[in-house]
Amino acid sequence: MMVTFVSQCEHKALNRTRRILDAFANRIGTNTWQTVITEEGLQSVKKLLRKTATKNTAVSCHWLRSRSRSEFIWVVGSKSKFNEQGIVPVNYTDQINALKMDELNVNIEKYYANTKRQPSTTRHP
């Protein structure tokens, strides 16, 4: 099975967790690992993570069922770092009209390419 591990560890737990996950999986991001692993291998990863877990440890595991579907399997350590689906929560807004990016009028004629107020088409030898 193809699995993804997401680490939200802090302090010393970060290095311990990275050492374990680097031994079993390929790092695909700063805090993300992915590998093809058997059920026994997955249980041994979980066992090693639990053995070294502290209050700063937080690792979630997801089974990639297809390109568009993944299934949350488990969390080792602090469950508060993840939501109910094992996903890292990020900031969001409930207000639809909070961000209006396309209503900003910018007059490009007043901007220059450098501090000496030279147009961007000027070339220097």
N, C-alpha and C. Protein backbone atom coordinates (compact mmCIF):
# COMPACT_ATOMS: atom_id res chain seq x y z
N MET A 1 0.83 -1.17 0.00
CA MET A 1 0.00 0.00 0.00
C MET A 1 0.88 1.24 0.00
N MET A 2 0.41 2.30 -0.64
CA MET A 2 1.12 3.57 -0.70
C MET A 2 0.61 4.44 0.45
N VAL A 3 1.53 4.93 1.30
CA VAL A 3 1.14 5.76 2.43
C VAL A 3 1.91 7.08 2.43
N THR A 4 1.32 8.07 3.08
CA THR A 4 1.94 9.37 3.28
C THR A 4 1.96 9.66 4.77
N PHE A 5 3.12 10.07 5.28
CA PHE A 5 3.26 10.49 6.66
C PHE A 5 3.42 12.00 6.70
N VAL A 6 2.70 12.64 7.61
CA VAL A 6 2.80 14.09 7.79
C VAL A 6 3.23 14.34 9.23
N SER A 7 4.33 15.06 9.41
CA SER A 7 4.86 15.34 10.73
C SER A 7 4.61 16.79 11.10
N GLN A 8 4.11 17.01 12.30
CA GLN A 8 3.93 18.35 12.86
C GLN A 8 4.67 18.43 14.20
N CYS A 9 5.82 17.77 14.27
CA CYS A 9 6.59 17.71 15.50
C CYS A 9 7.34 19.02 15.74
N GLU A 10 7.71 19.20 17.01
CA GLU A 10 8.47 20.39 17.40
C GLU A 10 9.67 19.98 18.24
N HIS A 11 10.67 20.85 18.30
CA HIS A 11 11.85 20.72 19.16
C HIS A 11 12.60 19.41 18.91
N LYS A 12 12.98 18.69 19.96
CA LYS A 12 13.77 17.46 19.81
C LYS A 12 12.99 16.34 19.13
N ALA A 13 11.69 16.36 19.27
CA ALA A 13 10.86 15.31 18.64
C ALA A 13 10.97 15.36 17.12
N LEU A 14 11.25 16.53 16.58
CA LEU A 14 11.38 16.68 15.13
C LEU A 14 12.52 15.82 14.59
N ASN A 15 13.67 15.89 15.23
CA ASN A 15 14.83 15.10 14.77
C ASN A 15 14.61 13.60 14.96
N ARG A 16 14.01 13.21 16.08
CA ARG A 16 13.74 11.79 16.32
C ARG A 16 12.78 11.22 15.27
N THR A 17 11.74 11.96 15.02
CA THR A 17 10.74 11.53 14.05
C THR A 17 11.31 11.47 12.65
N ARG A 18 12.08 12.47 12.27
CA ARG A 18 12.70 12.48 10.94
C ARG A 18 13.61 11.29 10.74
N ARG A 19 14.37 10.92 11.78
CA ARG A 19 15.27 9.77 11.68
C ARG A 19 14.50 8.49 11.39
N ILE A 20 13.38 8.31 12.09
CA ILE A 20 12.57 7.09 11.91
C ILE A 20 11.93 7.08 10.53
N LEU A 21 11.30 8.19 10.16
CA LEU A 21 10.58 8.23 8.88
C LEU A 21 11.53 8.19 7.69
N ASP A 22 12.71 8.79 7.82
CA ASP A 22 13.70 8.72 6.73
C ASP A 22 14.16 7.28 6.48
N ALA A 23 14.16 6.46 7.52
CA ALA A 23 14.58 5.06 7.38
C ALA A 23 13.55 4.23 6.62
N PHE A 24 12.28 4.62 6.69
CA PHE A 24 11.22 3.82 6.07
C PHE A 24 10.64 4.42 4.80
N ALA A 25 10.73 5.74 4.64
CA ALA A 25 10.02 6.39 3.53
C ALA A 25 10.88 7.47 2.88
N ASN A 26 10.47 7.89 1.70
CA ASN A 26 11.15 8.96 0.96
C ASN A 26 10.56 10.30 1.35
N ARG A 27 11.42 11.25 1.67
CA ARG A 27 10.94 12.58 2.03
C ARG A 27 10.54 13.33 0.76
N ILE A 28 9.29 13.80 0.72
CA ILE A 28 8.79 14.52 -0.46
C ILE A 28 8.53 15.98 -0.16
N GLY A 29 8.74 16.39 1.07
CA GLY A 29 8.56 17.78 1.48
C GLY A 29 9.28 17.98 2.80
N THR A 30 9.15 19.15 3.37
CA THR A 30 9.81 19.44 4.63
C THR A 30 9.31 18.54 5.75
N ASN A 31 8.01 18.34 5.81
CA ASN A 31 7.42 17.54 6.87
C ASN A 31 6.57 16.40 6.32
N THR A 32 6.88 15.91 5.13
CA THR A 32 6.06 14.90 4.47
C THR A 32 6.92 13.79 3.90
N TRP A 33 6.47 12.55 4.11
CA TRP A 33 7.15 11.36 3.57
C TRP A 33 6.13 10.49 2.85
N GLN A 34 6.61 9.74 1.85
CA GLN A 34 5.72 8.86 1.10
C GLN A 34 6.48 7.59 0.73
N THR A 35 5.77 6.45 0.80
CA THR A 35 6.40 5.18 0.46
C THR A 35 5.36 4.11 0.18
N VAL A 36 5.82 3.06 -0.48
CA VAL A 36 5.03 1.84 -0.61
C VAL A 36 5.49 0.92 0.51
N ILE A 37 4.55 0.45 1.33
CA ILE A 37 4.90 -0.30 2.53
C ILE A 37 3.87 -1.38 2.80
N THR A 38 4.29 -2.45 3.45
CA THR A 38 3.37 -3.53 3.83
C THR A 38 2.68 -3.16 5.14
N GLU A 39 1.68 -3.94 5.48
CA GLU A 39 0.97 -3.72 6.75
C GLU A 39 1.90 -3.93 7.94
N GLU A 40 2.79 -4.92 7.85
CA GLU A 40 3.74 -5.17 8.93
C GLU A 40 4.73 -4.02 9.07
N GLY A 41 5.18 -3.51 7.94
CA GLY A 41 6.09 -2.35 7.96
C GLY A 41 5.43 -1.12 8.57
N LEU A 42 4.17 -0.92 8.24
CA LEU A 42 3.42 0.22 8.78
C LEU A 42 3.27 0.10 10.29
N GLN A 43 3.03 -1.12 10.77
CA GLN A 43 2.91 -1.34 12.21
C GLN A 43 4.24 -1.11 12.92
N SER A 44 5.36 -1.47 12.28
CA SER A 44 6.65 -1.24 12.91
C SER A 44 7.01 0.24 12.95
N VAL A 45 6.60 1.01 11.91
CA VAL A 45 6.81 2.46 11.94
C VAL A 45 6.02 3.07 13.09
N LYS A 46 4.77 2.65 13.22
CA LYS A 46 3.92 3.17 14.30
C LYS A 46 4.50 2.82 15.67
N LYS A 47 5.01 1.60 15.80
CA LYS A 47 5.59 1.15 17.07
C LYS A 47 6.83 1.96 17.43
N LEU A 48 7.70 2.21 16.45
CA LEU A 48 8.90 3.01 16.70
C LEU A 48 8.55 4.46 17.04
N LEU A 49 7.55 5.02 16.35
CA LEU A 49 7.15 6.39 16.64
C LEU A 49 6.56 6.50 18.04
N ARG A 50 5.77 5.51 18.43
CA ARG A 50 5.18 5.50 19.78
C ARG A 50 6.25 5.36 20.86
N LYS A 51 7.27 4.59 20.55
CA LYS A 51 8.35 4.34 21.51
C LYS A 51 9.12 5.63 21.82
N THR A 52 9.29 6.49 20.82
CA THR A 52 10.06 7.73 20.98
C THR A 52 9.17 8.96 21.16
N ALA A 53 7.86 8.77 21.25
CA ALA A 53 6.93 9.91 21.28
C ALA A 53 7.05 10.70 22.58
N THR A 54 6.95 12.02 22.43
CA THR A 54 6.88 12.95 23.56
C THR A 54 5.66 13.84 23.33
N LYS A 55 5.50 14.85 24.20
CA LYS A 55 4.36 15.75 24.02
C LYS A 55 4.49 16.62 22.78
N ASN A 56 5.68 16.71 22.21
CA ASN A 56 5.92 17.50 21.00
C ASN A 56 5.85 16.68 19.72
N THR A 57 5.52 15.41 19.84
CA THR A 57 5.42 14.53 18.68
C THR A 57 4.01 14.57 18.11
N ALA A 58 3.91 14.65 16.79
CA ALA A 58 2.62 14.59 16.10
C ALA A 58 2.87 14.12 14.67
N VAL A 59 2.47 12.88 14.37
CA VAL A 59 2.64 12.30 13.04
C VAL A 59 1.34 11.63 12.62
N SER A 60 0.87 11.97 11.43
CA SER A 60 -0.33 11.30 10.91
C SER A 60 0.06 10.44 9.71
N CYS A 61 -0.74 9.41 9.48
CA CYS A 61 -0.51 8.48 8.38
C CYS A 61 -1.77 8.39 7.53
N HIS A 62 -1.61 8.48 6.21
CA HIS A 62 -2.72 8.40 5.28
C HIS A 62 -2.42 7.34 4.22
N TRP A 63 -3.41 6.53 3.92
CA TRP A 63 -3.30 5.51 2.89
C TRP A 63 -3.83 6.12 1.60
N LEU A 64 -2.99 6.15 0.55
CA LEU A 64 -3.39 6.69 -0.74
C LEU A 64 -4.07 5.59 -1.54
N ARG A 65 -5.38 5.66 -1.61
CA ARG A 65 -6.15 4.63 -2.29
C ARG A 65 -6.16 4.84 -3.80
N SER A 66 -6.20 6.08 -4.24
CA SER A 66 -6.11 6.42 -5.66
C SER A 66 -5.55 7.84 -5.74
N ARG A 67 -5.48 8.39 -6.94
CA ARG A 67 -4.94 9.74 -7.08
C ARG A 67 -5.77 10.78 -6.34
N SER A 68 -7.05 10.58 -6.30
CA SER A 68 -7.93 11.57 -5.71
C SER A 68 -8.50 11.17 -4.34
N ARG A 69 -8.19 9.96 -3.88
CA ARG A 69 -8.74 9.49 -2.61
C ARG A 69 -7.65 9.01 -1.67
N SER A 70 -7.71 9.49 -0.45
CA SER A 70 -6.81 8.97 0.58
C SER A 70 -7.64 8.69 1.83
N GLU A 71 -7.15 7.76 2.62
CA GLU A 71 -7.86 7.36 3.83
C GLU A 71 -6.97 7.57 5.04
N PHE A 72 -7.47 8.28 6.02
CA PHE A 72 -6.74 8.54 7.26
C PHE A 72 -6.63 7.25 8.05
N ILE A 73 -5.40 6.90 8.49
CA ILE A 73 -5.20 5.65 9.20
C ILE A 73 -5.00 5.89 10.71
N TRP A 74 -3.96 6.65 11.09
CA TRP A 74 -3.70 6.87 12.51
C TRP A 74 -2.90 8.14 12.75
N VAL A 75 -2.85 8.55 14.02
CA VAL A 75 -1.99 9.64 14.50
C VAL A 75 -1.21 9.11 15.69
N VAL A 76 0.08 9.40 15.71
CA VAL A 76 0.92 9.09 16.87
C VAL A 76 1.30 10.42 17.50
N GLY A 77 1.05 10.55 18.80
CA GLY A 77 1.39 11.78 19.51
C GLY A 77 0.20 12.70 19.64
N SER A 78 0.47 13.99 19.56
CA SER A 78 -0.54 15.01 19.79
C SER A 78 -1.57 15.06 18.67
N LYS A 79 -2.79 14.67 18.99
CA LYS A 79 -3.87 14.69 17.99
C LYS A 79 -4.38 16.11 17.72
N SER A 80 -4.06 17.04 18.61
CA SER A 80 -4.55 18.42 18.45
C SER A 80 -3.88 19.16 17.29
N LYS A 81 -2.78 18.64 16.77
CA LYS A 81 -2.10 19.26 15.63
C LYS A 81 -2.82 18.99 14.31
N PHE A 82 -3.77 18.02 14.33
CA PHE A 82 -4.50 17.63 13.14
C PHE A 82 -5.99 17.76 13.41
N ASN A 83 -6.79 17.83 12.33
CA ASN A 83 -8.24 17.83 12.52
C ASN A 83 -8.74 16.38 12.53
N GLU A 84 -10.06 16.20 12.47
CA GLU A 84 -10.64 14.86 12.58
C GLU A 84 -10.22 13.93 11.45
N GLN A 85 -9.91 14.50 10.29
CA GLN A 85 -9.50 13.69 9.13
C GLN A 85 -7.98 13.51 9.07
N GLY A 86 -7.26 13.99 10.09
CA GLY A 86 -5.81 13.85 10.10
C GLY A 86 -5.10 14.86 9.22
N ILE A 87 -5.79 15.92 8.84
CA ILE A 87 -5.24 16.95 7.97
C ILE A 87 -4.77 18.11 8.82
N VAL A 88 -3.68 18.76 8.41
CA VAL A 88 -3.17 19.91 9.14
C VAL A 88 -4.10 21.09 8.91
N PRO A 89 -4.71 21.63 9.97
CA PRO A 89 -5.60 22.77 9.78
C PRO A 89 -4.81 24.03 9.45
N VAL A 90 -5.36 24.83 8.55
CA VAL A 90 -4.75 26.10 8.18
C VAL A 90 -5.77 27.21 8.37
N ASN A 91 -5.31 28.44 8.36
CA ASN A 91 -6.22 29.56 8.54
C ASN A 91 -7.15 29.71 7.34
N TYR A 92 -8.36 30.13 7.61
CA TYR A 92 -9.33 30.39 6.56
C TYR A 92 -10.30 31.44 7.05
N THR A 93 -11.10 31.96 6.17
CA THR A 93 -12.09 32.96 6.53
C THR A 93 -13.47 32.49 6.09
N ASP A 94 -14.47 32.83 6.89
CA ASP A 94 -15.84 32.51 6.54
C ASP A 94 -16.48 33.60 5.70
N GLN A 95 -15.87 34.76 5.67
CA GLN A 95 -16.43 35.88 4.94
C GLN A 95 -16.06 35.79 3.47
N ILE A 96 -17.06 35.72 2.62
CA ILE A 96 -16.82 35.58 1.19
C ILE A 96 -16.23 36.87 0.61
N ASN A 97 -16.66 38.01 1.11
CA ASN A 97 -16.21 39.29 0.57
C ASN A 97 -15.01 39.85 1.32
N ALA A 98 -14.33 39.06 2.12
CA ALA A 98 -13.22 39.57 2.92
C ALA A 98 -12.02 39.96 2.06
N LEU A 99 -11.73 39.18 1.04
CA LEU A 99 -10.58 39.46 0.18
C LEU A 99 -11.04 39.80 -1.22
N LYS A 100 -10.79 41.02 -1.63
CA LYS A 100 -11.15 41.45 -2.98
C LYS A 100 -9.88 41.85 -3.69
N MET A 101 -9.28 40.91 -4.34
CA MET A 101 -7.99 41.14 -4.97
C MET A 101 -8.11 41.84 -6.33
N ASP A 102 -9.19 41.63 -7.04
CA ASP A 102 -9.29 42.15 -8.40
C ASP A 102 -9.83 43.58 -8.48
N GLU A 103 -10.16 44.18 -7.37
CA GLU A 103 -10.71 45.53 -7.40
C GLU A 103 -9.66 46.61 -7.21
N LEU A 104 -8.39 46.24 -7.13
CA LEU A 104 -7.32 47.19 -6.91
C LEU A 104 -6.91 47.81 -8.25
N ASN A 105 -7.02 49.14 -8.35
CA ASN A 105 -6.63 49.84 -9.57
C ASN A 105 -5.17 50.24 -9.46
N VAL A 106 -4.36 49.76 -10.37
CA VAL A 106 -2.94 50.06 -10.37
C VAL A 106 -2.60 50.75 -11.67
N ASN A 107 -1.99 51.92 -11.56
CA ASN A 107 -1.55 52.66 -12.74
C ASN A 107 -0.10 52.29 -13.02
N ILE A 108 0.14 51.50 -14.04
CA ILE A 108 1.46 50.98 -14.35
C ILE A 108 2.37 52.10 -14.87
N GLU A 109 1.83 53.17 -15.41
CA GLU A 109 2.63 54.27 -15.96
C GLU A 109 3.52 54.91 -14.90
N LYS A 110 3.16 54.84 -13.63
CA LYS A 110 3.90 55.52 -12.57
C LYS A 110 5.00 54.67 -11.96
N TYR A 111 5.11 53.41 -12.35
CA TYR A 111 6.12 52.53 -11.77
C TYR A 111 7.33 52.41 -12.67
N TYR A 112 8.50 52.39 -12.06
CA TYR A 112 9.74 52.31 -12.81
C TYR A 112 10.50 51.05 -12.43
N ALA A 113 11.46 50.67 -13.29
CA ALA A 113 12.18 49.42 -13.10
C ALA A 113 13.25 49.52 -12.02
N ASN A 114 13.70 50.73 -11.66
CA ASN A 114 14.73 50.86 -10.64
C ASN A 114 14.55 52.17 -9.88
N THR A 115 15.46 52.45 -8.96
CA THR A 115 15.30 53.62 -8.10
C THR A 115 15.70 54.92 -8.77
N LYS A 116 16.34 54.88 -9.92
CA LYS A 116 16.74 56.10 -10.62
C LYS A 116 15.68 56.57 -11.60
N ARG A 117 14.48 56.00 -11.47
CA ARG A 117 13.31 56.39 -12.24
C ARG A 117 13.51 56.23 -13.74
N GLN A 118 14.23 55.18 -14.14
CA GLN A 118 14.42 54.90 -15.55
C GLN A 118 13.41 53.86 -15.99
N PRO A 119 12.81 54.01 -17.15
CA PRO A 119 11.86 53.02 -17.64
C PRO A 119 12.55 51.66 -17.82
N SER A 120 11.79 50.61 -17.78
CA SER A 120 12.35 49.26 -17.84
C SER A 120 12.92 48.91 -19.21
N THR A 121 12.61 49.66 -20.25
CA THR A 121 13.11 49.37 -21.60
C THR A 121 14.51 49.91 -21.82
N THR A 122 15.05 50.74 -20.93
CA THR A 122 16.38 51.31 -21.08
C THR A 122 17.42 50.25 -20.78
N ARG A 123 18.43 50.16 -21.67
CA ARG A 123 19.52 49.21 -21.45
C ARG A 123 20.81 49.97 -21.19
N HIS A 124 21.63 49.42 -20.31
CA HIS A 124 22.92 50.02 -19.98
C HIS A 124 24.02 49.16 -20.56
N PRO A 125 25.08 49.81 -21.10
CA PRO A 125 26.19 49.04 -21.70
C PRO A 125 27.02 48.30 -20.69
